[in-house]
Amino acid sequence: MADDEAVRTTVADGVGTITFNRMHRRNALSLELFAALGDQLDAWRADDDVAAVVITGGEEAFSAGLDLDLQSAFTEDSRDEYSAMCLRVYGALLDYAKPTIAACAGPTLGGGCDIAVFCDIRIGAENAVFGFPQIKFGLTPYFSPLWKIVGLSQAKLLTFSGDRIDAAEALRIGLVDRLVPTGGVVGAATGLARSIAATTTRSAMINKELALRSPTMDPISALSFETSAYREVIRHPEVLERIGEAFGRLRRR
């Protein structure tokens, strides 16, 4: 399969879906796949038709991690290119303007697990396996976003050992937010994304901004910031219209 088909994308009902399309390599991360992922995230950042983004590899494999053909043949140039691509794509996810959901099935390992960790929400299938096997080679993961999700102790367990965990353990430690039967993870993630999109793209982006900024603030600054956001949106005609419609439905009951 050509690397220009490394991802497939769709937009429907306010949800943009990026599907890794290298199943012949268990969706291993090539430079082309990384670039396609970054390009699509950039394209949807200001697209009003996309309120939330689902990232998935389908029902069999999210991503087995960095393509070993690339890793085993690194040159100085390709190593630098890969490092720059990591900064670009993970940085885009870390500060993305819209909610992102990883729909994880099968192997979700190494860089694939990193992608899932950098998303806002993770939905796991019962056949999912998570971990950072590159640690067995002496390599490193991205620790900072991981520990904020699972806590320091669990992050240390995962990153010091490089051991893999199954979906049930991932749910127990909070690495995944919801666990669904095998074969249903894309549908579950899409359903959640549609629920987010139903709040409108503008609302989804405002709430994502709160989620990005408030945790870095002291409590008083966060209170002020969130109050300012509320004061702004409560004046918006669309919000007032939706509130009026909701009260109208209540009166008709």
Protein backbone atom coordinates (compact mmCIF):
# COMPACT_ATOMS: atom_id res chain seq x y z
CA MET A 1 0.00 0.00 0.00
CA ALA A 2 1.41 3.38 -0.94
CA ASP A 3 2.39 5.71 1.87
CA ASP A 4 0.32 8.50 0.31
CA GLU A 5 -2.60 6.41 1.59
CA ALA A 6 -1.16 6.16 5.08
CA VAL A 7 -4.31 7.69 6.56
CA ARG A 8 -7.93 7.90 5.51
CA THR A 9 -10.20 10.72 6.60
CA THR A 10 -13.92 11.40 6.79
CA VAL A 11 -16.10 14.22 8.13
CA ALA A 12 -19.70 13.60 9.20
CA ASP A 13 -22.01 15.09 11.84
CA GLY A 14 -19.31 17.44 13.09
CA VAL A 15 -16.80 14.61 13.60
CA GLY A 16 -13.53 14.37 11.72
CA THR A 17 -12.10 10.83 11.73
CA ILE A 18 -8.49 10.01 10.94
CA THR A 19 -7.90 6.30 10.37
CA PHE A 20 -4.38 4.93 10.11
CA ASN A 21 -4.22 2.87 6.93
CA ARG A 22 -1.09 0.74 7.20
CA MET A 23 -2.60 -2.49 8.48
CA HIS A 24 0.00 -4.46 6.52
CA ARG A 25 2.40 -3.04 9.16
CA ARG A 26 -0.12 -3.00 12.04
CA ASN A 27 -0.33 0.76 11.48
CA ALA A 28 3.33 1.23 12.35
CA LEU A 29 4.35 4.87 12.31
CA SER A 30 6.24 5.94 9.22
CA LEU A 31 7.35 9.48 8.50
CA GLU A 32 4.62 9.61 5.85
CA LEU A 33 1.94 8.58 8.34
CA PHE A 34 3.16 11.14 10.87
CA ALA A 35 3.14 13.84 8.21
CA ALA A 36 -0.35 12.91 7.02
CA LEU A 37 -1.66 12.97 10.59
CA GLY A 38 -0.11 16.37 11.23
CA ASP A 39 -1.37 17.79 7.94
CA GLN A 40 -4.94 16.67 8.63
CA LEU A 41 -4.94 18.05 12.16
CA ASP A 42 -3.72 21.37 10.78
CA ALA A 43 -6.41 21.38 8.10
CA TRP A 44 -9.21 20.76 10.58
CA ARG A 45 -8.03 23.22 13.21
CA ALA A 46 -10.01 26.10 11.68
CA ASP A 47 -12.67 24.02 9.89
CA ASP A 48 -16.09 24.83 11.36
CA ASP A 49 -17.46 21.54 10.02
CA VAL A 50 -15.25 19.65 12.48
CA ALA A 51 -16.04 20.03 16.18
CA ALA A 52 -14.21 16.94 17.44
CA VAL A 53 -11.60 14.56 16.05
CA VAL A 54 -11.43 10.77 16.35
CA ILE A 55 -8.05 9.12 15.73
CA THR A 56 -8.05 5.36 15.19
CA GLY A 57 -6.45 2.46 13.44
CA GLY A 58 -9.69 0.51 13.17
CA GLU A 59 -10.87 -2.49 15.16
CA GLU A 60 -7.71 -4.61 14.93
CA ALA A 61 -4.74 -2.35 15.62
CA PHE A 62 -4.36 1.26 16.73
CA SER A 63 -0.61 1.36 16.07
CA ALA A 64 2.25 -1.00 16.87
CA GLY A 65 4.60 1.95 17.26
CA LEU A 66 7.47 3.27 15.20
CA ASP A 67 8.05 1.29 12.01
CA LEU A 68 11.07 -0.93 12.66
CA ASP A 69 12.22 -0.51 9.07
CA LEU A 70 12.61 3.19 9.78
CA GLN A 71 14.10 2.75 13.23
CA SER A 72 16.65 0.12 12.21
CA ALA A 73 17.88 2.21 9.28
CA PHE A 74 18.09 5.62 10.95
CA THR A 75 20.64 8.02 9.51
CA GLU A 76 21.56 11.37 11.02
CA ASP A 77 19.15 13.04 8.60
CA SER A 78 16.23 10.67 9.11
CA ARG A 79 16.71 10.69 12.87
CA ASP A 80 16.53 14.49 12.88
CA GLU A 81 13.50 14.40 10.58
CA TYR A 82 11.75 11.94 12.89
CA SER A 83 12.49 14.06 15.97
CA ALA A 84 11.14 17.15 14.23
CA MET A 85 8.03 15.21 13.20
CA CYS A 86 7.45 14.12 16.81
CA LEU A 87 7.62 17.72 17.98
CA ARG A 88 5.23 18.79 15.25
CA VAL A 89 2.57 16.09 15.63
CA TYR A 90 2.65 15.58 19.40
CA GLY A 91 2.79 19.34 19.83
CA ALA A 92 -0.27 19.74 17.61
CA LEU A 93 -2.19 17.19 19.69
CA LEU A 94 -1.03 18.66 22.99
CA ASP A 95 -2.34 22.12 22.14
CA TYR A 96 -5.11 21.21 19.72
CA ALA A 97 -8.05 23.61 19.61
CA LYS A 98 -10.72 20.90 19.47
CA PRO A 99 -11.43 17.77 21.53
CA THR A 100 -9.57 14.67 20.36
CA ILE A 101 -10.53 11.05 21.02
CA ALA A 102 -8.30 8.02 20.49
CA ALA A 103 -10.22 4.85 19.60
CA CYS A 104 -7.77 2.13 20.61
CA ALA A 105 -7.98 -1.51 19.56
CA GLY A 106 -5.31 -4.19 19.41
CA PRO A 107 -1.68 -3.09 19.77
CA THR A 108 -1.43 0.50 21.04
CA LEU A 109 2.28 0.53 21.62
CA GLY A 110 5.28 2.82 21.62
CA GLY A 111 4.60 5.89 19.53
CA GLY A 112 1.06 4.63 19.01
CA CYS A 113 0.51 4.70 22.76
CA ASP A 114 2.05 8.18 22.80
CA ILE A 115 -0.50 9.38 20.23
CA ALA A 116 -3.31 7.99 22.36
CA VAL A 117 -1.88 9.62 25.50
CA PHE A 118 -1.64 13.00 23.79
CA CYS A 119 -5.36 12.84 22.90
CA ASP A 120 -7.94 14.24 25.30
CA ILE A 121 -9.93 11.03 25.72
CA ARG A 122 -9.14 7.36 25.13
CA ILE A 123 -11.75 4.71 24.36
CA GLY A 124 -10.35 1.19 24.53
CA ALA A 125 -11.58 -2.08 23.05
CA GLU A 126 -11.27 -5.25 25.10
CA ASN A 127 -8.63 -6.54 22.66
CA ALA A 128 -6.38 -3.50 23.17
CA VAL A 129 -2.85 -3.82 24.56
CA PHE A 130 -0.91 -0.79 25.77
CA GLY A 131 2.72 -0.15 26.56
CA PHE A 132 6.10 1.24 25.60
CA PRO A 133 8.19 -1.71 24.38
CA GLN A 134 10.90 0.61 23.08
CA ILE A 135 12.02 0.94 26.69
CA LYS A 136 13.35 -2.62 26.45
CA PHE A 137 15.83 -1.26 23.88
CA GLY A 138 16.91 1.57 26.18
CA LEU A 139 14.72 4.18 24.49
CA THR A 140 12.35 6.62 26.19
CA PRO A 141 8.62 7.43 26.07
CA TYR A 142 6.84 10.73 26.63
CA PHE A 143 6.44 10.70 30.41
CA SER A 144 4.87 14.09 31.08
CA PRO A 145 1.42 13.58 29.52
CA LEU A 146 1.29 9.99 30.79
CA TRP A 147 1.76 10.72 34.48
CA LYS A 148 -0.91 13.41 34.38
CA ILE A 149 -3.37 10.74 33.24
CA VAL A 150 -2.43 7.71 35.36
CA GLY A 151 -0.46 9.32 38.20
CA LEU A 152 3.25 9.17 38.97
CA SER A 153 3.43 5.65 40.36
CA GLN A 154 1.59 3.96 37.49
CA ALA A 155 3.53 6.02 34.94
CA LYS A 156 6.77 4.86 36.56
CA LEU A 157 5.62 1.24 36.40
CA LEU A 158 4.91 1.54 32.68
CA THR A 159 7.98 3.54 31.71
CA PHE A 160 10.63 1.94 33.92
CA SER A 161 9.73 -1.59 32.84
CA GLY A 162 8.43 -1.30 29.30
CA ASP A 163 5.90 -4.02 30.18
CA ARG A 164 2.59 -4.18 28.35
CA ILE A 165 -0.83 -4.08 29.98
CA ASP A 166 -4.18 -5.33 28.78
CA ALA A 167 -7.33 -3.26 28.35
CA ALA A 168 -8.77 -4.14 31.77
CA GLU A 169 -5.63 -2.93 33.54
CA ALA A 170 -5.56 0.19 31.35
CA LEU A 171 -9.10 0.96 32.50
CA ARG A 172 -8.22 0.29 36.14
CA ILE A 173 -5.33 2.76 36.17
CA GLY A 174 -7.21 5.36 34.10
CA LEU A 175 -5.19 5.07 30.91
CA VAL A 176 -8.46 4.51 29.04
CA ASP A 177 -11.62 6.36 29.99
CA ARG A 178 -14.12 3.81 28.68
CA LEU A 179 -13.83 0.14 27.76
CA VAL A 180 -16.07 -1.37 25.06
CA PRO A 181 -16.39 -4.81 23.48
CA THR A 182 -13.97 -5.77 20.74
CA GLY A 183 -15.24 -4.56 17.40
CA GLY A 184 -17.09 -1.57 18.80
CA VAL A 185 -14.42 0.96 19.65
CA VAL A 186 -14.74 3.14 16.54
CA GLY A 187 -18.50 3.33 16.93
CA ALA A 188 -18.21 4.19 20.62
CA ALA A 189 -15.63 6.92 19.99
CA THR A 190 -17.66 8.31 17.12
CA GLY A 191 -20.80 8.38 19.24
CA LEU A 192 -19.00 10.33 21.94
CA ALA A 193 -17.54 12.71 19.36
CA ARG A 194 -21.01 13.32 17.92
CA SER A 195 -22.28 14.15 21.39
CA ILE A 196 -19.48 16.72 21.70
CA ALA A 197 -20.19 18.07 18.22
CA ALA A 198 -23.85 18.52 19.11
CA THR A 199 -22.82 21.28 21.52
CA THR A 200 -21.57 23.16 18.39
CA THR A 201 -18.03 23.64 17.18
CA ARG A 202 -17.75 26.97 18.98
CA SER A 203 -18.78 25.49 22.31
CA ALA A 204 -16.47 22.50 21.88
CA MET A 205 -13.54 24.82 21.22
CA ILE A 206 -14.29 27.06 24.19
CA ASN A 207 -14.53 24.09 26.53
CA LYS A 208 -11.31 22.66 25.08
CA GLU A 209 -9.61 26.00 25.78
CA LEU A 210 -10.76 25.81 29.40
CA ALA A 211 -9.43 22.26 29.67
CA LEU A 212 -6.09 23.32 28.21
CA ARG A 213 -5.48 26.46 30.26
CA SER A 214 -7.21 26.08 33.62
CA PRO A 215 -5.07 23.19 34.94
CA THR A 216 -1.94 25.35 34.60
CA MET A 217 -3.41 28.20 36.68
CA ASP A 218 -3.69 28.82 40.38
CA PRO A 219 -7.26 28.45 41.70
CA ILE A 220 -8.08 32.18 41.73
CA SER A 221 -6.72 32.73 38.23
CA ALA A 222 -8.68 29.73 36.96
CA LEU A 223 -11.86 31.07 38.60
CA SER A 224 -11.37 34.44 36.91
CA PHE A 225 -10.56 32.88 33.53
CA GLU A 226 -13.55 30.53 33.59
CA THR A 227 -15.91 33.28 34.75
CA SER A 228 -14.74 35.48 31.89
CA ALA A 229 -15.43 32.65 29.45
CA TYR A 230 -18.94 32.18 30.84
CA ARG A 231 -19.62 35.92 30.75
CA GLU A 232 -18.64 35.96 27.08
CA VAL A 233 -20.65 32.95 25.92
CA ILE A 234 -23.83 33.83 27.83
CA ARG A 235 -24.19 36.90 25.58
CA HIS A 236 -23.91 34.92 22.35
CA PRO A 237 -27.18 34.92 20.36
CA GLU A 238 -26.91 31.23 19.50
CA VAL A 239 -26.53 30.32 23.17
CA LEU A 240 -29.50 32.47 24.17
CA GLU A 241 -31.55 30.86 21.40
CA ARG A 242 -30.69 27.36 22.59
CA ILE A 243 -31.54 28.22 26.19
CA GLY A 244 -34.87 29.66 25.04
CA GLU A 245 -35.65 26.52 23.05
CA ALA A 246 -34.86 24.32 26.06
CA PHE A 247 -37.17 26.30 28.35
CA GLY A 248 -39.84 26.21 25.66
CA ARG A 249 -39.69 22.42 25.57
CA LEU A 250 -39.98 22.27 29.37
CA ARG A 251 -43.10 24.47 29.36
CA ARG A 252 -44.76 22.27 26.73
CA ARG A 253 -44.41 19.14 28.86
